All heavy atoms as atom14 arrays in JSON, in Angstrom:
{
  "sequence": "KRYVDSVKGRFAISRDRSKNTVYLQMNSLNPEDTAIYFCA",
  "atom14_mask": [
    [1, 1, 1, 1, 1, 1, 1, 1, 1, 0, 0, 0, 0, 0],
    [1, 1, 1, 1, 1, 1, 1, 1, 1, 1, 1, 0, 0, 0],
    [1, 1, 1, 1, 1, 1, 1, 1, 1, 1, 1, 1, 0, 0],
    [1, 1, 1, 1, 1, 1, 1, 0, 0, 0, 0, 0, 0, 0],
    [1, 1, 1, 1, 1, 1, 1, 1, 0, 0, 0, 0, 0, 0],
    [1, 1, 1, 1, 1, 1, 0, 0, 0, 0, 0, 0, 0, 0],
    [1, 1, 1, 1, 1, 1, 1, 0, 0, 0, 0, 0, 0, 0],
    [1, 1, 1, 1, 1, 1, 1, 1, 1, 0, 0, 0, 0, 0],
    [1, 1, 1, 1, 0, 0, 0, 0, 0, 0, 0, 0, 0, 0],
    [1, 1, 1, 1, 1, 1, 1, 1, 1, 1, 1, 0, 0, 0],
    [1, 1, 1, 1, 1, 1, 1, 1, 1, 1, 1, 0, 0, 0],
    [1, 1, 1, 1, 1, 0, 0, 0, 0, 0, 0, 0, 0, 0],
    [1, 1, 1, 1, 1, 1, 1, 1, 0, 0, 0, 0, 0, 0],
    [1, 1, 1, 1, 1, 1, 0, 0, 0, 0, 0, 0, 0, 0],
    [1, 1, 1, 1, 1, 1, 1, 1, 1, 1, 1, 0, 0, 0],
    [1, 1, 1, 1, 1, 1, 1, 1, 0, 0, 0, 0, 0, 0],
    [1, 1, 1, 1, 1, 1, 1, 1, 1, 1, 1, 0, 0, 0],
    [1, 1, 1, 1, 1, 1, 0, 0, 0, 0, 0, 0, 0, 0],
    [1, 1, 1, 1, 1, 1, 1, 1, 1, 0, 0, 0, 0, 0],
    [1, 1, 1, 1, 1, 1, 1, 1, 0, 0, 0, 0, 0, 0],
    [1, 1, 1, 1, 1, 1, 1, 0, 0, 0, 0, 0, 0, 0],
    [1, 1, 1, 1, 1, 1, 1, 0, 0, 0, 0, 0, 0, 0],
    [1, 1, 1, 1, 1, 1, 1, 1, 1, 1, 1, 1, 0, 0],
    [1, 1, 1, 1, 1, 1, 1, 1, 0, 0, 0, 0, 0, 0],
    [1, 1, 1, 1, 1, 1, 1, 1, 1, 0, 0, 0, 0, 0],
    [1, 1, 1, 1, 1, 1, 1, 1, 0, 0, 0, 0, 0, 0],
    [1, 1, 1, 1, 1, 1, 1, 1, 0, 0, 0, 0, 0, 0],
    [1, 1, 1, 1, 1, 1, 0, 0, 0, 0, 0, 0, 0, 0],
    [1, 1, 1, 1, 1, 1, 1, 1, 0, 0, 0, 0, 0, 0],
    [1, 1, 1, 1, 1, 1, 1, 1, 0, 0, 0, 0, 0, 0],
    [1, 1, 1, 1, 1, 1, 1, 0, 0, 0, 0, 0, 0, 0],
    [1, 1, 1, 1, 1, 1, 1, 1, 1, 0, 0, 0, 0, 0],
    [1, 1, 1, 1, 1, 1, 1, 1, 0, 0, 0, 0, 0, 0],
    [1, 1, 1, 1, 1, 1, 1, 0, 0, 0, 0, 0, 0, 0],
    [1, 1, 1, 1, 1, 0, 0, 0, 0, 0, 0, 0, 0, 0],
    [1, 1, 1, 1, 1, 1, 1, 1, 0, 0, 0, 0, 0, 0],
    [1, 1, 1, 1, 1, 1, 1, 1, 1, 1, 1, 1, 0, 0],
    [1, 1, 1, 1, 1, 1, 1, 1, 1, 1, 1, 0, 0, 0],
    [1, 1, 1, 1, 1, 1, 0, 0, 0, 0, 0, 0, 0, 0],
    [1, 1, 1, 1, 1, 0, 0, 0, 0, 0, 0, 0, 0, 0]
  ],
  "atom14_positions": [
    [[2.63, 17.85, -0.64], [2.32, 16.43, -0.79], [2.03, 15.84, 0.58], [2.61, 16.28, 1.57], [3.5, 15.68, -1.43], [3.91, 16.22, -2.79], [5.15, 15.51, -3.31], [5.6, 16.12, -4.64], [6.82, 15.46, -5.17], [0.0, 0.0, 0.0], [0.0, 0.0, 0.0], [0.0, 0.0, 0.0], [0.0, 0.0, 0.0], [0.0, 0.0, 0.0]],
    [[1.16, 14.87, 0.6], [0.84, 14.21, 1.86], [0.79, 12.71, 1.61], [0.33, 12.26, 0.57], [-0.48, 14.72, 2.41], [-0.9, 14.07, 3.7], [-1.96, 14.87, 4.41], [-1.46, 16.15, 4.89], [-2.06, 16.84, 5.85], [-3.17, 16.38, 6.4], [-1.58, 17.99, 6.22], [0.0, 0.0, 0.0], [0.0, 0.0, 0.0], [0.0, 0.0, 0.0]],
    [[1.27, 11.96, 2.62], [1.27, 10.51, 2.55], [0.72, 9.94, 3.85], [1.0, 10.46, 4.93], [2.69, 9.97, 2.35], [3.37, 10.44, 1.09], [4.18, 11.57, 1.1], [3.2, 9.76, -0.11], [4.81, 12.01, -0.06], [3.84, 10.19, -1.28], [4.63, 11.31, -1.24], [5.24, 11.74, -2.39], [0.0, 0.0, 0.0], [0.0, 0.0, 0.0]],
    [[0.0, 8.86, 3.73], [-0.4, 8.12, 4.92], [0.84, 7.41, 5.47], [1.77, 7.07, 4.72], [-1.53, 7.13, 4.56], [-1.03, 6.01, 3.68], [-2.19, 6.59, 5.8], [0.0, 0.0, 0.0], [0.0, 0.0, 0.0], [0.0, 0.0, 0.0], [0.0, 0.0, 0.0], [0.0, 0.0, 0.0], [0.0, 0.0, 0.0], [0.0, 0.0, 0.0]],
    [[0.88, 7.19, 6.76], [2.08, 6.65, 7.4], [2.53, 5.33, 6.8], [3.73, 5.06, 6.68], [1.85, 6.48, 8.91], [1.85, 7.79, 9.66], [2.29, 8.81, 9.08], [1.41, 7.81, 10.82], [0.0, 0.0, 0.0], [0.0, 0.0, 0.0], [0.0, 0.0, 0.0], [0.0, 0.0, 0.0], [0.0, 0.0, 0.0], [0.0, 0.0, 0.0]],
    [[1.59, 4.5, 6.41], [1.94, 3.16, 5.93], [2.71, 3.16, 4.61], [3.32, 2.14, 4.25], [0.68, 2.3, 5.79], [-0.2, 2.87, 4.85], [0.0, 0.0, 0.0], [0.0, 0.0, 0.0], [0.0, 0.0, 0.0], [0.0, 0.0, 0.0], [0.0, 0.0, 0.0], [0.0, 0.0, 0.0], [0.0, 0.0, 0.0], [0.0, 0.0, 0.0]],
    [[2.7, 4.28, 3.88], [3.41, 4.32, 2.59], [4.55, 5.32, 2.59], [5.28, 5.41, 1.59], [2.45, 4.62, 1.41], [1.27, 3.65, 1.42], [1.96, 6.06, 1.44], [0.0, 0.0, 0.0], [0.0, 0.0, 0.0], [0.0, 0.0, 0.0], [0.0, 0.0, 0.0], [0.0, 0.0, 0.0], [0.0, 0.0, 0.0], [0.0, 0.0, 0.0]],
    [[4.72, 6.07, 3.64], [5.81, 7.06, 3.7], [7.15, 6.38, 3.5], [7.44, 5.35, 4.1], [5.78, 7.79, 5.04], [4.75, 8.88, 5.13], [4.8, 9.58, 6.49], [3.75, 10.66, 6.6], [3.74, 11.28, 7.94], [0.0, 0.0, 0.0], [0.0, 0.0, 0.0], [0.0, 0.0, 0.0], [0.0, 0.0, 0.0], [0.0, 0.0, 0.0]],
    [[7.97, 6.99, 2.66], [9.29, 6.45, 2.39], [9.3, 5.38, 1.32], [10.38, 4.99, 0.85], [0.0, 0.0, 0.0], [0.0, 0.0, 0.0], [0.0, 0.0, 0.0], [0.0, 0.0, 0.0], [0.0, 0.0, 0.0], [0.0, 0.0, 0.0], [0.0, 0.0, 0.0], [0.0, 0.0, 0.0], [0.0, 0.0, 0.0], [0.0, 0.0, 0.0]],
    [[8.14, 4.9, 0.93], [8.05, 3.85, -0.11], [7.36, 4.36, -1.37], [7.71, 3.95, -2.47], [7.29, 2.64, 0.42], [7.9, 2.0, 1.63], [7.21, 0.66, 1.95], [5.8, 0.82, 2.26], [4.82, 0.19, 1.61], [5.09, -0.63, 0.61], [3.55, 0.38, 1.96], [0.0, 0.0, 0.0], [0.0, 0.0, 0.0], [0.0, 0.0, 0.0]],
    [[6.37, 5.22, -1.21], [5.59, 5.74, -2.33], [5.94, 7.2, -2.56], [6.27, 7.93, -1.62], [4.1, 5.63, -2.05], [3.54, 4.24, -2.02], [4.35, 3.12, -2.02], [2.15, 4.05, -2.0], [3.83, 1.83, -1.98], [1.61, 2.78, -1.97], [2.45, 1.67, -1.96], [0.0, 0.0, 0.0], [0.0, 0.0, 0.0], [0.0, 0.0, 0.0]],
    [[5.85, 7.62, -3.82], [6.1, 9.02, -4.17], [5.08, 9.48, -5.2], [4.92, 8.85, -6.24], [7.51, 9.19, -4.71], [0.0, 0.0, 0.0], [0.0, 0.0, 0.0], [0.0, 0.0, 0.0], [0.0, 0.0, 0.0], [0.0, 0.0, 0.0], [0.0, 0.0, 0.0], [0.0, 0.0, 0.0], [0.0, 0.0, 0.0], [0.0, 0.0, 0.0]],
    [[4.4, 10.57, -4.88], [3.42, 11.14, -5.79], [4.06, 12.31, -6.54], [4.87, 13.05, -5.98], [2.15, 11.6, -5.03], [1.01, 11.92, -5.99], [2.46, 12.78, -4.11], [-0.33, 12.14, -5.28], [0.0, 0.0, 0.0], [0.0, 0.0, 0.0], [0.0, 0.0, 0.0], [0.0, 0.0, 0.0], [0.0, 0.0, 0.0], [0.0, 0.0, 0.0]],
    [[3.71, 12.45, -7.81], [4.24, 13.54, -8.61], [3.24, 13.87, -9.7], [2.29, 13.12, -9.93], [5.61, 13.16, -9.22], [5.47, 12.05, -10.09], [0.0, 0.0, 0.0], [0.0, 0.0, 0.0], [0.0, 0.0, 0.0], [0.0, 0.0, 0.0], [0.0, 0.0, 0.0], [0.0, 0.0, 0.0], [0.0, 0.0, 0.0], [0.0, 0.0, 0.0]],
    [[3.48, 14.99, -10.38], [2.57, 15.35, -11.46], [3.35, 16.0, -12.59], [4.36, 16.66, -12.37], [1.44, 16.25, -10.96], [1.82, 17.62, -10.49], [0.64, 18.29, -9.76], [-0.58, 18.21, -10.55], [-1.81, 18.37, -10.04], [-1.97, 18.61, -8.75], [-2.87, 18.31, -10.81], [0.0, 0.0, 0.0], [0.0, 0.0, 0.0], [0.0, 0.0, 0.0]],
    [[2.83, 15.79, -13.79], [3.4, 16.4, -15.0], [2.27, 17.18, -15.65], [1.38, 16.6, -16.29], [3.94, 15.31, -15.93], [4.67, 15.88, -17.13], [4.36, 17.01, -17.55], [5.53, 15.19, -17.68], [0.0, 0.0, 0.0], [0.0, 0.0, 0.0], [0.0, 0.0, 0.0], [0.0, 0.0, 0.0], [0.0, 0.0, 0.0], [0.0, 0.0, 0.0]],
    [[2.31, 18.48, -15.48], [1.22, 19.31, -15.99], [1.15, 19.25, -17.51], [0.06, 19.34, -18.08], [1.4, 20.74, -15.5], [1.3, 20.87, -13.97], [1.78, 22.23, -13.5], [0.85, 23.3, -13.89], [-0.14, 23.73, -13.11], [-0.33, 23.2, -11.92], [-0.93, 24.71, -13.52], [0.0, 0.0, 0.0], [0.0, 0.0, 0.0], [0.0, 0.0, 0.0]],
    [[2.28, 19.11, -18.16], [2.29, 19.08, -19.62], [1.58, 17.84, -20.17], [1.1, 17.84, -21.3], [3.72, 19.14, -20.15], [4.43, 17.95, -19.84], [0.0, 0.0, 0.0], [0.0, 0.0, 0.0], [0.0, 0.0, 0.0], [0.0, 0.0, 0.0], [0.0, 0.0, 0.0], [0.0, 0.0, 0.0], [0.0, 0.0, 0.0], [0.0, 0.0, 0.0]],
    [[1.54, 16.8, -19.37], [0.89, 15.55, -19.78], [-0.47, 15.36, -19.1], [-1.1, 14.31, -19.3], [1.8, 14.36, -19.48], [3.1, 14.37, -20.27], [3.94, 13.14, -19.96], [5.22, 13.15, -20.79], [6.08, 11.97, -20.49], [0.0, 0.0, 0.0], [0.0, 0.0, 0.0], [0.0, 0.0, 0.0], [0.0, 0.0, 0.0], [0.0, 0.0, 0.0]],
    [[-0.87, 16.34, -18.31], [-2.17, 16.24, -17.61], [-2.25, 14.94, -16.8], [-3.29, 14.27, -16.77], [-3.33, 16.31, -18.6], [-4.47, 17.18, -18.11], [-4.26, 18.17, -17.4], [-5.69, 16.82, -18.47], [0.0, 0.0, 0.0], [0.0, 0.0, 0.0], [0.0, 0.0, 0.0], [0.0, 0.0, 0.0], [0.0, 0.0, 0.0], [0.0, 0.0, 0.0]],
    [[-1.16, 14.61, -16.15], [-1.02, 13.3, -15.51], [-0.44, 13.43, -14.1], [0.41, 14.29, -13.86], [-0.11, 12.4, -16.36], [-0.67, 12.24, -17.66], [0.05, 11.02, -15.73], [0.0, 0.0, 0.0], [0.0, 0.0, 0.0], [0.0, 0.0, 0.0], [0.0, 0.0, 0.0], [0.0, 0.0, 0.0], [0.0, 0.0, 0.0], [0.0, 0.0, 0.0]],
    [[-0.94, 12.58, -13.23], [-0.38, 12.43, -11.89], [0.1, 11.0, -11.74], [-0.58, 10.07, -12.19], [-1.41, 12.79, -10.81], [-0.9, 12.43, -9.41], [-1.75, 14.27, -10.87], [0.0, 0.0, 0.0], [0.0, 0.0, 0.0], [0.0, 0.0, 0.0], [0.0, 0.0, 0.0], [0.0, 0.0, 0.0], [0.0, 0.0, 0.0], [0.0, 0.0, 0.0]],
    [[1.24, 10.83, -11.11], [1.84, 9.51, -10.96], [1.92, 9.1, -9.48], [1.94, 9.95, -8.59], [3.27, 9.51, -11.52], [3.37, 9.91, -12.95], [3.72, 11.21, -13.31], [3.12, 9.0, -13.96], [3.83, 11.59, -14.64], [3.21, 9.38, -15.3], [3.57, 10.67, -15.63], [3.66, 11.03, -16.94], [0.0, 0.0, 0.0], [0.0, 0.0, 0.0]],
    [[1.98, 7.79, -9.28], [2.28, 7.26, -7.95], [3.34, 6.18, -8.13], [3.06, 5.1, -8.66], [1.04, 6.69, -7.27], [1.27, 6.22, -5.83], [1.55, 7.43, -4.92], [0.08, 5.44, -5.31], [0.0, 0.0, 0.0], [0.0, 0.0, 0.0], [0.0, 0.0, 0.0], [0.0, 0.0, 0.0], [0.0, 0.0, 0.0], [0.0, 0.0, 0.0]],
    [[4.57, 6.5, -7.75], [5.64, 5.53, -7.77], [5.6, 4.72, -6.49], [5.67, 5.29, -5.4], [7.0, 6.23, -7.91], [8.19, 5.29, -7.9], [8.25, 4.38, -9.1], [8.01, 4.82, -10.24], [8.56, 3.11, -8.88], [0.0, 0.0, 0.0], [0.0, 0.0, 0.0], [0.0, 0.0, 0.0], [0.0, 0.0, 0.0], [0.0, 0.0, 0.0]],
    [[5.5, 3.41, -6.62], [5.36, 2.55, -5.46], [6.55, 1.58, -5.42], [6.73, 0.78, -6.34], [4.05, 1.77, -5.53], [2.83, 2.66, -5.68], [1.25, 1.75, -5.55], [1.38, 0.66, -6.96], [0.0, 0.0, 0.0], [0.0, 0.0, 0.0], [0.0, 0.0, 0.0], [0.0, 0.0, 0.0], [0.0, 0.0, 0.0], [0.0, 0.0, 0.0]],
    [[7.32, 1.68, -4.36], [8.5, 0.83, -4.18], [8.34, -0.03, -2.93], [7.48, 0.25, -2.08], [9.76, 1.69, -4.06], [10.01, 2.54, -5.28], [9.75, 2.13, -6.42], [10.51, 3.74, -5.07], [0.0, 0.0, 0.0], [0.0, 0.0, 0.0], [0.0, 0.0, 0.0], [0.0, 0.0, 0.0], [0.0, 0.0, 0.0], [0.0, 0.0, 0.0]],
    [[9.16, -1.05, -2.82], [9.15, -1.94, -1.65], [7.74, -2.42, -1.33], [7.3, -2.38, -0.18], [9.77, -1.22, -0.44], [11.09, -0.82, -0.71], [0.0, 0.0, 0.0], [0.0, 0.0, 0.0], [0.0, 0.0, 0.0], [0.0, 0.0, 0.0], [0.0, 0.0, 0.0], [0.0, 0.0, 0.0], [0.0, 0.0, 0.0], [0.0, 0.0, 0.0]],
    [[7.05, -2.85, -2.35], [5.66, -3.28, -2.17], [5.59, -4.54, -1.32], [6.47, -5.42, -1.38], [5.01, -3.51, -3.52], [4.66, -2.22, -4.29], [4.45, -2.52, -5.77], [3.43, -1.57, -3.69], [0.0, 0.0, 0.0], [0.0, 0.0, 0.0], [0.0, 0.0, 0.0], [0.0, 0.0, 0.0], [0.0, 0.0, 0.0], [0.0, 0.0, 0.0]],
    [[4.55, -4.63, -0.53], [4.31, -5.82, 0.28], [2.85, -6.25, 0.11], [2.03, -5.5, -0.43], [4.67, -5.54, 1.75], [3.86, -4.39, 2.32], [2.64, -4.48, 2.43], [4.53, -3.33, 2.73], [0.0, 0.0, 0.0], [0.0, 0.0, 0.0], [0.0, 0.0, 0.0], [0.0, 0.0, 0.0], [0.0, 0.0, 0.0], [0.0, 0.0, 0.0]],
    [[2.53, -7.46, 0.54], [1.16, -7.97, 0.31], [0.07, -7.08, 0.89], [-1.05, -7.08, 0.35], [1.19, -9.34, 1.0], [2.61, -9.77, 0.89], [3.41, -8.52, 1.07], [0.0, 0.0, 0.0], [0.0, 0.0, 0.0], [0.0, 0.0, 0.0], [0.0, 0.0, 0.0], [0.0, 0.0, 0.0], [0.0, 0.0, 0.0], [0.0, 0.0, 0.0]],
    [[0.38, -6.31, 1.92], [-0.62, -5.41, 2.51], [-0.96, -4.24, 1.57], [-1.94, -3.53, 1.81], [-0.13, -4.86, 3.84], [-0.08, -5.88, 4.98], [1.0, -6.93, 4.79], [2.11, -6.57, 4.32], [0.75, -8.12, 5.09], [0.0, 0.0, 0.0], [0.0, 0.0, 0.0], [0.0, 0.0, 0.0], [0.0, 0.0, 0.0], [0.0, 0.0, 0.0]],
    [[-0.19, -4.05, 0.53], [-0.48, -3.01, -0.45], [-1.46, -3.48, -1.52], [-1.88, -2.68, -2.37], [0.81, -2.54, -1.13], [1.77, -1.87, -0.18], [1.33, -1.03, 0.63], [2.98, -2.18, -0.24], [0.0, 0.0, 0.0], [0.0, 0.0, 0.0], [0.0, 0.0, 0.0], [0.0, 0.0, 0.0], [0.0, 0.0, 0.0], [0.0, 0.0, 0.0]],
    [[-1.84, -4.74, -1.48], [-2.79, -5.27, -2.45], [-4.14, -4.58, -2.3], [-4.71, -4.57, -1.21], [-2.95, -6.79, -2.27], [-1.7, -7.42, -2.59], [-4.05, -7.33, -3.18], [0.0, 0.0, 0.0], [0.0, 0.0, 0.0], [0.0, 0.0, 0.0], [0.0, 0.0, 0.0], [0.0, 0.0, 0.0], [0.0, 0.0, 0.0], [0.0, 0.0, 0.0]],
    [[-4.63, -4.0, -3.39], [-5.87, -3.24, -3.35], [-6.19, -2.75, -4.75], [-5.37, -2.85, -5.67], [-5.74, -2.05, -2.4], [0.0, 0.0, 0.0], [0.0, 0.0, 0.0], [0.0, 0.0, 0.0], [0.0, 0.0, 0.0], [0.0, 0.0, 0.0], [0.0, 0.0, 0.0], [0.0, 0.0, 0.0], [0.0, 0.0, 0.0], [0.0, 0.0, 0.0]],
    [[-7.39, -2.2, -4.89], [-7.71, -1.42, -6.08], [-7.31, 0.02, -5.77], [-7.69, 0.57, -4.74], [-9.21, -1.5, -6.42], [-9.62, -2.94, -6.68], [-9.5, -0.64, -7.65], [-11.12, -3.13, -6.89], [0.0, 0.0, 0.0], [0.0, 0.0, 0.0], [0.0, 0.0, 0.0], [0.0, 0.0, 0.0], [0.0, 0.0, 0.0], [0.0, 0.0, 0.0]],
    [[-6.56, 0.61, -6.68], [-6.06, 1.98, -6.5], [-6.87, 2.93, -7.39], [-7.02, 2.69, -8.59], [-4.58, 2.04, -6.84], [-3.71, 1.46, -5.75], [-3.71, 0.09, -5.49], [-2.91, 2.28, -4.95], [-2.94, -0.46, -4.47], [-2.13, 1.75, -3.94], [-2.15, 0.38, -3.71], [-1.38, -0.15, -2.69], [0.0, 0.0, 0.0], [0.0, 0.0, 0.0]],
    [[-7.36, 3.98, -6.76], [-8.18, 4.96, -7.45], [-7.49, 6.33, -7.45], [-6.87, 6.72, -6.46], [-9.54, 5.12, -6.75], [-10.38, 3.88, -6.72], [-10.26, 2.98, -5.68], [-11.3, 3.63, -7.73], [-11.05, 1.84, -5.63], [-12.09, 2.49, -7.69], [-11.96, 1.59, -6.64], [0.0, 0.0, 0.0], [0.0, 0.0, 0.0], [0.0, 0.0, 0.0]],
    [[-7.68, 7.02, -8.54], [-7.26, 8.4, -8.64], [-8.49, 9.28, -8.42], [-9.59, 8.93, -8.88], [-6.67, 8.63, -10.02], [-6.28, 10.32, -10.43], [0.0, 0.0, 0.0], [0.0, 0.0, 0.0], [0.0, 0.0, 0.0], [0.0, 0.0, 0.0], [0.0, 0.0, 0.0], [0.0, 0.0, 0.0], [0.0, 0.0, 0.0], [0.0, 0.0, 0.0]],
    [[-8.32, 10.4, -7.72], [-9.42, 11.32, -7.48], [-8.95, 12.75, -7.66], [-7.77, 13.05, -7.45], [-9.97, 11.12, -6.07], [0.0, 0.0, 0.0], [0.0, 0.0, 0.0], [0.0, 0.0, 0.0], [0.0, 0.0, 0.0], [0.0, 0.0, 0.0], [0.0, 0.0, 0.0], [0.0, 0.0, 0.0], [0.0, 0.0, 0.0], [0.0, 0.0, 0.0]]
  ]
}
């Protein structure tokens, strides 16, 4: 897993292969996190 410095310790990426899904848990959000989020 890799994180950009600005989200380290606050965001966590994970995946569930059985559900064909990837998640992004975002904690301690601040106004600088405001954006459109895309999955790729």
